[in-house]
Amino acid sequence: MRVVSHQRYPETAEFDPASGTLTVTADRPATPNAELRTQGLYAQLGESTVVFFNSQRRLYIRVGRTNFPVDEELNLEWRLLRPSEYDKNSNLVHRAESELILSRPESGRVQLRYPSGPPSGPPLDEDPTAFISDEDYDFGLLIRGIITDSERRNVMLGD
């Protein structure tokens, strides 16, 4: 299945949910009409590659060798451990750090700590880019946002 990078536009990859193999294939086409249907997103969170995908109308989060089905048994916790720090001129001094914890009774527990927030530039509240949000720079926060919002979940499922 084709998945899209959350961190490197316009990168895409082929992902095999059974083995967890992720192979970067190419850049996405530049025009929207040329887009190929994708079934998920991926990003590097700390030392781990995380894939959030739709397979057979069910959502999953793949971390390492474990597929976590997104259902009532999944416990997902996200938290901001340290906000970004800026100097008096709004230059980034330290990136934020976030944590994503996934657990299920039969799948175990995974704890991911990773840098989040913009890698450079001013704070988001000073960024002139329309509709920009923290989810654009924090894949764990994006996953939590989709899982907790039924409309966004339905979009991810292709409804």
Protein backbone atom coordinates (compact mmCIF):
# COMPACT_ATOMS: atom_id res chain seq x y z
CA MET A 1 0.00 0.00 0.00
CA ARG A 2 1.09 3.58 -0.64
CA VAL A 3 1.66 5.86 2.35
CA VAL A 4 2.67 9.52 2.49
CA SER A 5 5.42 11.08 4.60
CA HIS A 6 4.17 13.47 7.27
CA GLN A 7 7.63 15.06 7.52
CA ARG A 8 9.05 15.26 3.99
CA TYR A 9 6.77 16.59 1.27
CA PRO A 10 6.33 15.18 -1.38
CA GLU A 11 7.79 11.80 -0.33
CA THR A 12 5.74 8.58 -0.54
CA ALA A 13 6.54 4.96 0.27
CA GLU A 14 5.24 1.45 -0.24
CA PHE A 15 4.32 -0.17 3.06
CA ASP A 16 3.68 -3.85 3.79
CA PRO A 17 1.56 -4.08 6.98
CA ALA A 18 2.36 -7.76 7.49
CA SER A 19 6.14 -7.35 7.57
CA GLY A 20 6.37 -3.67 8.46
CA THR A 21 8.62 -3.03 5.47
CA LEU A 22 8.55 0.62 4.39
CA THR A 23 10.28 1.47 1.10
CA VAL A 24 10.49 5.07 -0.07
CA THR A 25 9.40 5.00 -3.70
CA ALA A 26 9.16 8.49 -5.11
CA ASP A 27 7.99 12.01 -4.75
CA ARG A 28 4.26 12.56 -5.11
CA PRO A 29 3.08 14.09 -8.38
CA ALA A 30 2.98 17.88 -8.27
CA THR A 31 -0.60 18.20 -9.53
CA PRO A 32 -3.57 17.08 -7.39
CA ASN A 33 -5.23 15.26 -10.31
CA ALA A 34 -2.17 13.05 -10.66
CA GLU A 35 -2.24 11.95 -7.00
CA LEU A 36 -2.42 8.23 -6.36
CA ARG A 37 -4.72 7.04 -3.59
CA THR A 38 -2.81 6.67 -0.36
CA GLN A 39 -3.78 4.58 2.62
CA GLY A 40 -1.87 6.26 5.38
CA LEU A 41 0.90 8.45 6.71
CA TYR A 42 4.32 7.77 8.18
CA ALA A 43 6.94 9.66 10.17
CA GLN A 44 10.01 9.16 12.29
CA LEU A 45 9.27 9.66 15.99
CA GLY A 46 12.56 9.56 17.82
CA GLU A 47 14.24 6.27 16.93
CA SER A 48 11.05 4.64 15.59
CA THR A 49 9.26 4.77 12.27
CA VAL A 50 5.52 5.05 12.85
CA VAL A 51 2.93 4.28 10.17
CA PHE A 52 -0.72 5.27 10.65
CA PHE A 53 -2.76 3.43 8.03
CA ASN A 54 -6.11 2.11 6.81
CA SER A 55 -6.33 -1.58 5.95
CA GLN A 56 -9.63 -3.24 5.10
CA ARG A 57 -11.54 -0.28 6.57
CA ARG A 58 -9.76 -0.46 9.93
CA LEU A 59 -7.16 1.96 11.25
CA TYR A 60 -3.82 0.76 12.61
CA ILE A 61 -0.67 2.31 14.05
CA ARG A 62 2.52 0.39 13.25
CA VAL A 63 5.54 0.89 15.53
CA GLY A 64 8.49 -1.42 14.98
CA ARG A 65 7.13 -4.95 14.68
CA THR A 66 3.76 -4.23 16.27
CA ASN A 67 0.48 -3.26 14.61
CA PHE A 68 -1.82 -1.53 17.09
CA PRO A 69 -5.44 -1.74 15.87
CA VAL A 70 -7.27 1.49 16.58
CA ASP A 71 -10.25 0.24 18.59
CA GLU A 72 -11.74 0.47 22.08
CA GLU A 73 -8.84 -1.55 23.55
CA LEU A 74 -6.17 0.88 22.35
CA ASN A 75 -4.93 3.27 24.99
CA LEU A 76 -3.22 6.24 23.36
CA GLU A 77 -1.65 9.01 25.42
CA TRP A 78 0.04 12.09 24.00
CA ARG A 79 1.67 14.84 25.96
CA LEU A 80 3.95 17.79 25.42
CA LEU A 81 6.99 17.23 27.61
CA ARG A 82 8.72 20.52 26.87
CA PRO A 83 7.49 23.44 24.74
CA SER A 84 9.69 25.08 22.14
CA GLU A 85 11.89 27.86 23.45
CA TYR A 86 12.52 31.10 21.55
CA ASP A 87 14.83 34.02 22.15
CA LYS A 88 13.59 37.61 22.42
CA ASN A 89 13.73 37.91 18.59
CA SER A 90 11.47 34.87 18.11
CA ASN A 91 14.36 32.68 16.94
CA LEU A 92 14.07 29.04 17.89
CA VAL A 93 16.50 28.06 20.67
CA HIS A 94 15.19 24.54 21.52
CA ARG A 95 12.55 22.45 19.75
CA ALA A 96 9.64 21.08 21.72
CA GLU A 97 9.65 17.47 22.91
CA SER A 98 6.55 15.27 22.89
CA GLU A 99 5.68 11.77 24.03
CA LEU A 100 3.30 9.24 22.51
CA ILE A 101 2.37 6.11 24.47
CA LEU A 102 0.43 3.27 22.84
CA SER A 103 -0.78 0.19 24.70
CA ARG A 104 -3.19 -2.71 24.22
CA PRO A 105 -3.59 -5.80 26.40
CA GLU A 106 -2.31 -8.24 23.72
CA SER A 107 0.10 -5.88 21.95
CA GLY A 108 2.07 -4.51 24.87
CA ARG A 109 3.19 -0.93 25.43
CA VAL A 110 5.32 1.43 23.36
CA GLN A 111 6.60 4.78 24.61
CA LEU A 112 8.01 7.22 22.05
CA ARG A 113 9.81 10.47 22.90
CA TYR A 114 10.61 12.73 20.00
CA PRO A 115 11.30 16.32 18.95
CA SER A 116 8.18 18.16 17.84
CA GLY A 117 7.16 21.60 16.72
CA PRO A 118 8.70 23.56 13.85
CA PRO A 119 12.41 22.78 13.31
CA SER A 120 13.09 26.48 12.66
CA GLY A 121 11.36 29.81 12.29
CA PRO A 122 9.10 31.82 14.57
CA PRO A 123 6.49 30.42 16.99
CA LEU A 124 3.37 29.17 15.20
CA ASP A 125 1.26 32.01 16.57
CA GLU A 126 3.57 34.41 14.67
CA ASP A 127 3.75 32.32 11.47
CA PRO A 128 1.80 33.94 8.62
CA THR A 129 0.99 30.57 6.98
CA ALA A 130 -2.79 30.13 6.79
CA PHE A 131 -4.32 27.25 8.76
CA ILE A 132 -0.99 26.02 10.17
CA SER A 133 -1.24 24.07 13.41
CA ASP A 134 0.84 22.08 15.86
CA GLU A 135 -0.37 18.87 14.15
CA ASP A 136 1.61 19.89 11.06
CA TYR A 137 4.79 19.40 13.12
CA ASP A 138 3.81 16.66 15.57
CA PHE A 139 2.77 13.31 14.09
CA GLY A 140 1.76 11.89 17.47
CA LEU A 141 -0.55 14.85 18.06
CA LEU A 142 -2.01 14.41 14.56
CA ILE A 143 -2.73 10.71 15.22
CA ARG A 144 -4.42 11.57 18.51
CA GLY A 145 -6.47 14.27 16.79
CA ILE A 146 -7.72 11.88 14.11
CA ILE A 147 -8.48 9.03 16.51
CA THR A 148 -10.51 11.26 18.85
CA ASP A 149 -12.59 12.93 16.10
CA SER A 150 -15.14 10.72 14.33
CA GLU A 151 -15.30 12.96 11.22
CA ARG A 152 -11.53 12.86 10.77
CA ARG A 153 -11.49 9.11 11.44
CA ASN A 154 -14.08 8.64 8.68
CA VAL A 155 -11.95 10.68 6.25
CA MET A 156 -8.95 8.46 7.07
CA LEU A 157 -11.17 5.41 6.38
CA GLY A 158 -12.14 6.85 3.00
CA ASP A 159 -15.78 7.63 3.82
